[in-house]
Amino acid sequence: SNSGATGTAVFAYDAKTEILSWRITHNVQNPLTADLHGPAEPGANAAVLIPFPTATSPITGSQKVSDKLALNLMNDLTYVAIHTADLPLGAI
C-alpha cells in the first residue's frame, strides 16, 4: 500500500516442539487486525494462516504450527498484514 507505514517481524521456530514464536512491531495508525498470510510468492496475496489476537504494536505470541507452515515461513512464502479501516487489504 501507499500508507507509508513500516514494520519488522521476527519469527523463531522450534522444530522439536513445533512452536512458532513471533514479535512484530509497526507504526500503523489505528490498526484493526493483523495476521500471517501464505503461502504466496512475493507480491501475491494469500489466505490468512494465523490471525493475531491483537494488531497493536508490539504483537507477540506463539503457537504450535504444522511443518508445512514452518517450511513456507522459512522459504519466504508468508507475509504479515496489518489492516485498518481505510486500508482493509493492509496498511503493511
C-alpha atoms as a PDB file:
ATOM      1  CA  SER A   1       0.000   0.000   0.000  1.00  0.00           C
ATOM      2  CA  ASN A   2       0.959   3.656  -0.054  1.00  0.00           C
ATOM      3  CA  SER A   3       0.371   4.104   3.671  1.00  0.00           C
ATOM      4  CA  GLY A   4       3.968   4.977   4.489  1.00  0.00           C
ATOM      5  CA  ALA A   5       3.793   2.565   7.411  1.00  0.00           C
ATOM      6  CA  THR A   6       6.738   0.337   8.252  1.00  0.00           C
ATOM      7  CA  GLY A   7       7.268  -2.679  10.439  1.00  0.00           C
ATOM      8  CA  THR A   8       9.520  -5.527  11.447  1.00  0.00           C
ATOM      9  CA  ALA A   9       8.584  -9.141  12.088  1.00  0.00           C
ATOM     10  CA  VAL A  10      10.842 -11.642  13.819  1.00  0.00           C
ATOM     11  CA  PHE A  11       9.824 -15.299  13.909  1.00  0.00           C
ATOM     12  CA  ALA A  12      11.504 -18.220  15.658  1.00  0.00           C
ATOM     13  CA  TYR A  13      10.571 -21.855  15.076  1.00  0.00           C
ATOM     14  CA  ASP A  14      11.433 -24.721  17.414  1.00  0.00           C
ATOM     15  CA  ALA A  15      11.334 -27.876  15.288  1.00  0.00           C
ATOM     16  CA  LYS A  16      11.278 -30.175  18.333  1.00  0.00           C
ATOM     17  CA  THR A  17       8.175 -28.614  19.884  1.00  0.00           C
ATOM     18  CA  GLU A  18       6.741 -27.284  16.569  1.00  0.00           C
ATOM     19  CA  ILE A  19       6.212 -23.914  18.303  1.00  0.00           C
ATOM     20  CA  LEU A  20       6.394 -20.755  16.234  1.00  0.00           C
ATOM     21  CA  SER A  21       7.027 -17.551  18.223  1.00  0.00           C
ATOM     22  CA  TRP A  22       6.816 -14.002  16.922  1.00  0.00           C
ATOM     23  CA  ARG A  23       7.413 -10.354  17.727  1.00  0.00           C
ATOM     24  CA  ILE A  24       6.056  -7.802  15.279  1.00  0.00           C
ATOM     25  CA  THR A  25       6.472  -4.052  15.594  1.00  0.00           C
ATOM     26  CA  HIS A  26       4.921  -1.428  13.318  1.00  0.00           C
ATOM     27  CA  ASN A  27       3.867   2.192  13.130  1.00  0.00           C
ATOM     28  CA  VAL A  28       0.415   1.685  11.580  1.00  0.00           C
ATOM     29  CA  GLN A  29      -2.067   4.229  12.904  1.00  0.00           C
ATOM     30  CA  ASN A  30      -5.344   2.763  14.247  1.00  0.00           C
ATOM     31  CA  PRO A  31      -4.710  -0.886  13.314  1.00  0.00           C
ATOM     32  CA  LEU A  32      -7.793  -3.108  13.391  1.00  0.00           C
ATOM     33  CA  THR A  33      -6.484  -6.608  12.688  1.00  0.00           C
ATOM     34  CA  ALA A  34      -3.176  -8.290  11.961  1.00  0.00           C
ATOM     35  CA  ASP A  35      -2.423 -11.710  10.567  1.00  0.00           C
ATOM     36  CA  LEU A  36       0.093 -14.002   8.922  1.00  0.00           C
ATOM     37  CA  HIS A  37      -0.778 -14.897   5.312  1.00  0.00           C
ATOM     38  CA  GLY A  38       0.571 -17.550   2.962  1.00  0.00           C
ATOM     39  CA  PRO A  39       1.738 -19.371   1.063  1.00  0.00           C
ATOM     40  CA  ALA A  40       2.446 -16.774  -1.612  1.00  0.00           C
ATOM     41  CA  GLU A  41       5.295 -15.597  -3.759  1.00  0.00           C
ATOM     42  CA  PRO A  42       6.426 -12.010  -3.065  1.00  0.00           C
ATOM     43  CA  GLY A  43       3.816  -9.536  -4.302  1.00  0.00           C
ATOM     44  CA  ALA A  44       0.979 -12.081  -4.371  1.00  0.00           C
ATOM     45  CA  ASN A  45      -1.976 -12.340  -1.990  1.00  0.00           C
ATOM     46  CA  ALA A  46      -2.790 -15.381   0.131  1.00  0.00           C
ATOM     47  CA  ALA A  47      -5.165 -16.687   2.773  1.00  0.00           C
ATOM     48  CA  VAL A  48      -4.834 -16.000   6.488  1.00  0.00           C
ATOM     49  CA  LEU A  49      -2.771 -18.667   8.256  1.00  0.00           C
ATOM     50  CA  ILE A  50      -2.609 -17.167  11.750  1.00  0.00           C
ATOM     51  CA  PRO A  51      -4.893 -14.364  12.913  1.00  0.00           C
ATOM     52  CA  PHE A  52      -3.040 -12.495  15.643  1.00  0.00           C
ATOM     53  CA  PRO A  53      -5.122 -11.689  18.751  1.00  0.00           C
ATOM     54  CA  THR A  54      -4.194  -8.002  18.591  1.00  0.00           C
ATOM     55  CA  ALA A  55      -2.997  -5.541  15.981  1.00  0.00           C
ATOM     56  CA  THR A  56      -1.446  -3.131  18.465  1.00  0.00           C
ATOM     57  CA  SER A  57       2.344  -2.958  18.296  1.00  0.00           C
ATOM     58  CA  PRO A  58       4.197  -4.874  19.555  1.00  0.00           C
ATOM     59  CA  ILE A  59       2.407  -8.070  18.575  1.00  0.00           C
ATOM     60  CA  THR A  60       3.903 -11.049  20.390  1.00  0.00           C
ATOM     61  CA  GLY A  61       2.856 -14.635  20.750  1.00  0.00           C
ATOM     62  CA  SER A  62       3.441 -18.260  19.913  1.00  0.00           C
ATOM     63  CA  GLN A  63       1.544 -21.345  18.841  1.00  0.00           C
ATOM     64  CA  LYS A  64       2.071 -24.831  17.558  1.00  0.00           C
ATOM     65  CA  VAL A  65       2.139 -24.944  13.756  1.00  0.00           C
ATOM     66  CA  SER A  66       2.367 -27.552  11.038  1.00  0.00           C
ATOM     67  CA  ASP A  67       5.667 -28.472   9.429  1.00  0.00           C
ATOM     68  CA  LYS A  68       4.234 -27.152   6.153  1.00  0.00           C
ATOM     69  CA  LEU A  69       3.548 -23.702   7.621  1.00  0.00           C
ATOM     70  CA  ALA A  70       7.026 -23.568   9.155  1.00  0.00           C
ATOM     71  CA  LEU A  71       8.589 -24.544   5.814  1.00  0.00           C
ATOM     72  CA  ASN A  72       6.609 -21.853   3.992  1.00  0.00           C
ATOM     73  CA  LEU A  73       7.783 -19.298   6.557  1.00  0.00           C
ATOM     74  CA  MET A  74      11.419 -20.340   6.184  1.00  0.00           C
ATOM     75  CA  ASN A  75      11.116 -20.183   2.375  1.00  0.00           C
ATOM     76  CA  ASP A  76       9.771 -16.587   2.412  1.00  0.00           C
ATOM     77  CA  LEU A  77       6.292 -17.650   1.275  1.00  0.00           C
ATOM     78  CA  THR A  78       4.441 -15.842   4.071  1.00  0.00           C
ATOM     79  CA  TYR A  79       3.791 -12.230   4.992  1.00  0.00           C
ATOM     80  CA  VAL A  80       2.281 -10.187   7.809  1.00  0.00           C
ATOM     81  CA  ALA A  81      -0.613  -7.837   7.040  1.00  0.00           C
ATOM     82  CA  ILE A  82      -1.767  -5.031   9.334  1.00  0.00           C
ATOM     83  CA  HIS A  83      -5.281  -3.877   8.385  1.00  0.00           C
ATOM     84  CA  THR A  84      -7.024  -0.555   9.032  1.00  0.00           C
ATOM     85  CA  ALA A  85     -10.488   0.809   8.284  1.00  0.00           C
ATOM     86  CA  ASP A  86      -9.043   2.959   5.486  1.00  0.00           C
ATOM     87  CA  LEU A  87      -6.797   0.168   4.159  1.00  0.00           C
ATOM     88  CA  PRO A  88      -8.730  -3.096   4.646  1.00  0.00           C
ATOM     89  CA  LEU A  89      -6.330  -5.022   2.413  1.00  0.00           C
ATOM     90  CA  GLY A  90      -3.442  -3.944   4.607  1.00  0.00           C
ATOM     91  CA  ALA A  91      -1.505  -0.820   5.526  1.00  0.00           C
ATOM     92  CA  ILE A  92       1.512  -3.116   5.548  1.00  0.00           C
END
